[in-house]
Amino acid sequence: DDSKVGVKGLLDAGITKLLRIFLNNQPVIEKKSDSDAVTKLSIPVIDFEGLGKSAAQRNDIVREIKDASENWGFFQIIHHEIP
């Protein structure tokens, strides 16, 4: 894709630090139900550290991505080595 949209466009533009709009400092969301009980939802966080170290770790990470995708539809990745 030559449109320079997305992560590649940011990297090609020389961005070396994540922009504030991409930072999520509130990973826990509180939602009040009709009964005033508070339900806490936590976004799945997947750690890419050690991704290339062993097949077992890679398989665990792939399983976590699959689970988060199937059950949540989204997830947060940490230690992904993208500046």
C-alpha atoms as a PDB file:
ATOM      1  CA  ASP A   1       0.000   0.000   0.000  1.00  0.00           C
ATOM      2  CA  ASP A   2       1.608   3.240  -1.122  1.00  0.00           C
ATOM      3  CA  SER A   3      -0.949   5.495   0.574  1.00  0.00           C
ATOM      4  CA  LYS A   4       1.310   5.940   3.644  1.00  0.00           C
ATOM      5  CA  VAL A   5      -1.665   5.358   5.922  1.00  0.00           C
ATOM      6  CA  GLY A   6      -1.245   3.547   9.218  1.00  0.00           C
ATOM      7  CA  VAL A   7       1.861   2.379  11.046  1.00  0.00           C
ATOM      8  CA  LYS A   8       4.048   2.253   7.928  1.00  0.00           C
ATOM      9  CA  GLY A   9       3.167   5.839   7.094  1.00  0.00           C
ATOM     10  CA  LEU A  10       4.085   6.942  10.611  1.00  0.00           C
ATOM     11  CA  LEU A  11       7.406   5.110  10.447  1.00  0.00           C
ATOM     12  CA  ASP A  12       8.196   6.485   6.994  1.00  0.00           C
ATOM     13  CA  ALA A  13       7.420   9.982   8.297  1.00  0.00           C
ATOM     14  CA  GLY A  14      10.091   9.536  10.963  1.00  0.00           C
ATOM     15  CA  ILE A  15       7.798   9.202  13.980  1.00  0.00           C
ATOM     16  CA  THR A  16       9.852   7.697  16.819  1.00  0.00           C
ATOM     17  CA  LYS A  17       7.370   7.981  19.667  1.00  0.00           C
ATOM     18  CA  LEU A  18       3.747   6.861  19.909  1.00  0.00           C
ATOM     19  CA  LEU A  19       1.264   9.671  19.569  1.00  0.00           C
ATOM     20  CA  ARG A  20      -1.029  10.302  22.541  1.00  0.00           C
ATOM     21  CA  ILE A  21      -4.082   9.155  20.596  1.00  0.00           C
ATOM     22  CA  PHE A  22      -2.610   5.640  20.486  1.00  0.00           C
ATOM     23  CA  LEU A  23      -1.975   5.428  24.237  1.00  0.00           C
ATOM     24  CA  ASN A  24      -4.529   3.820  26.498  1.00  0.00           C
ATOM     25  CA  ASN A  25      -3.955   4.657  30.124  1.00  0.00           C
ATOM     26  CA  GLN A  26      -7.318   3.264  31.225  1.00  0.00           C
ATOM     27  CA  PRO A  27      -7.332  -0.483  30.435  1.00  0.00           C
ATOM     28  CA  VAL A  28     -10.190  -1.173  32.876  1.00  0.00           C
ATOM     29  CA  ILE A  29     -13.657  -0.011  31.878  1.00  0.00           C
ATOM     30  CA  GLU A  30     -16.435   0.220  34.431  1.00  0.00           C
ATOM     31  CA  LYS A  31     -19.971  -0.215  33.248  1.00  0.00           C
ATOM     32  CA  LYS A  32     -22.996   0.173  35.478  1.00  0.00           C
ATOM     33  CA  SER A  33     -25.818  -2.200  34.765  1.00  0.00           C
ATOM     34  CA  ASP A  34     -29.492  -1.647  35.450  1.00  0.00           C
ATOM     35  CA  SER A  35     -29.050  -3.168  38.904  1.00  0.00           C
ATOM     36  CA  ASP A  36     -26.325  -0.588  39.756  1.00  0.00           C
ATOM     37  CA  ALA A  37     -23.774  -3.383  40.051  1.00  0.00           C
ATOM     38  CA  VAL A  38     -20.435  -2.438  38.552  1.00  0.00           C
ATOM     39  CA  THR A  39     -19.029  -4.754  35.906  1.00  0.00           C
ATOM     40  CA  LYS A  40     -15.322  -4.401  35.192  1.00  0.00           C
ATOM     41  CA  LEU A  41     -14.123  -5.240  31.719  1.00  0.00           C
ATOM     42  CA  SER A  42     -10.439  -5.631  31.014  1.00  0.00           C
ATOM     43  CA  ILE A  43      -9.130  -5.437  27.463  1.00  0.00           C
ATOM     44  CA  PRO A  44      -7.009  -8.495  26.613  1.00  0.00           C
ATOM     45  CA  VAL A  45      -3.306  -7.596  26.684  1.00  0.00           C
ATOM     46  CA  ILE A  46      -0.948  -9.789  24.668  1.00  0.00           C
ATOM     47  CA  ASP A  47       2.782  -9.618  25.376  1.00  0.00           C
ATOM     48  CA  PHE A  48       4.969 -10.129  22.290  1.00  0.00           C
ATOM     49  CA  GLU A  49       8.168 -10.308  24.343  1.00  0.00           C
ATOM     50  CA  GLY A  50       9.831 -13.609  23.555  1.00  0.00           C
ATOM     51  CA  LEU A  51       7.863 -14.096  20.344  1.00  0.00           C
ATOM     52  CA  GLY A  52      10.865 -15.445  18.449  1.00  0.00           C
ATOM     53  CA  LYS A  53      12.560 -17.263  21.322  1.00  0.00           C
ATOM     54  CA  SER A  54      10.808 -20.619  21.126  1.00  0.00           C
ATOM     55  CA  ALA A  55       8.071 -22.397  19.251  1.00  0.00           C
ATOM     56  CA  ALA A  56       6.205 -22.980  22.521  1.00  0.00           C
ATOM     57  CA  GLN A  57       6.128 -19.245  23.351  1.00  0.00           C
ATOM     58  CA  ARG A  58       5.057 -18.422  19.804  1.00  0.00           C
ATOM     59  CA  ASN A  59       2.245 -20.977  20.023  1.00  0.00           C
ATOM     60  CA  ASP A  60       1.094 -19.478  23.338  1.00  0.00           C
ATOM     61  CA  ILE A  61       1.001 -15.992  21.804  1.00  0.00           C
ATOM     62  CA  VAL A  62      -0.886 -17.247  18.746  1.00  0.00           C
ATOM     63  CA  ARG A  63      -3.392 -18.959  21.066  1.00  0.00           C
ATOM     64  CA  GLU A  64      -3.849 -15.713  23.033  1.00  0.00           C
ATOM     65  CA  ILE A  65      -4.459 -13.756  19.808  1.00  0.00           C
ATOM     66  CA  LYS A  66      -6.966 -16.354  18.625  1.00  0.00           C
ATOM     67  CA  ASP A  67      -8.788 -16.329  21.960  1.00  0.00           C
ATOM     68  CA  ALA A  68      -8.907 -12.521  22.169  1.00  0.00           C
ATOM     69  CA  SER A  69     -10.075 -12.249  18.561  1.00  0.00           C
ATOM     70  CA  GLU A  70     -12.830 -14.814  18.976  1.00  0.00           C
ATOM     71  CA  ASN A  71     -14.065 -13.629  22.373  1.00  0.00           C
ATOM     72  CA  TRP A  72     -13.416  -9.881  22.293  1.00  0.00           C
ATOM     73  CA  GLY A  73     -12.806  -8.866  18.692  1.00  0.00           C
ATOM     74  CA  PHE A  74      -9.803  -6.752  19.708  1.00  0.00           C
ATOM     75  CA  PHE A  75      -6.775  -6.722  21.999  1.00  0.00           C
ATOM     76  CA  GLN A  76      -3.762  -4.652  23.028  1.00  0.00           C
ATOM     77  CA  ILE A  77      -0.247  -5.779  22.138  1.00  0.00           C
ATOM     78  CA  ILE A  78       2.730  -4.845  24.308  1.00  0.00           C
ATOM     79  CA  HIS A  79       6.474  -5.329  23.695  1.00  0.00           C
ATOM     80  CA  HIS A  80       5.899  -5.414  19.922  1.00  0.00           C
ATOM     81  CA  GLU A  81       9.132  -3.541  19.045  1.00  0.00           C
ATOM     82  CA  ILE A  82       7.283  -0.944  16.955  1.00  0.00           C
ATOM     83  CA  PRO A  83       8.402   2.502  18.127  1.00  0.00           C
END
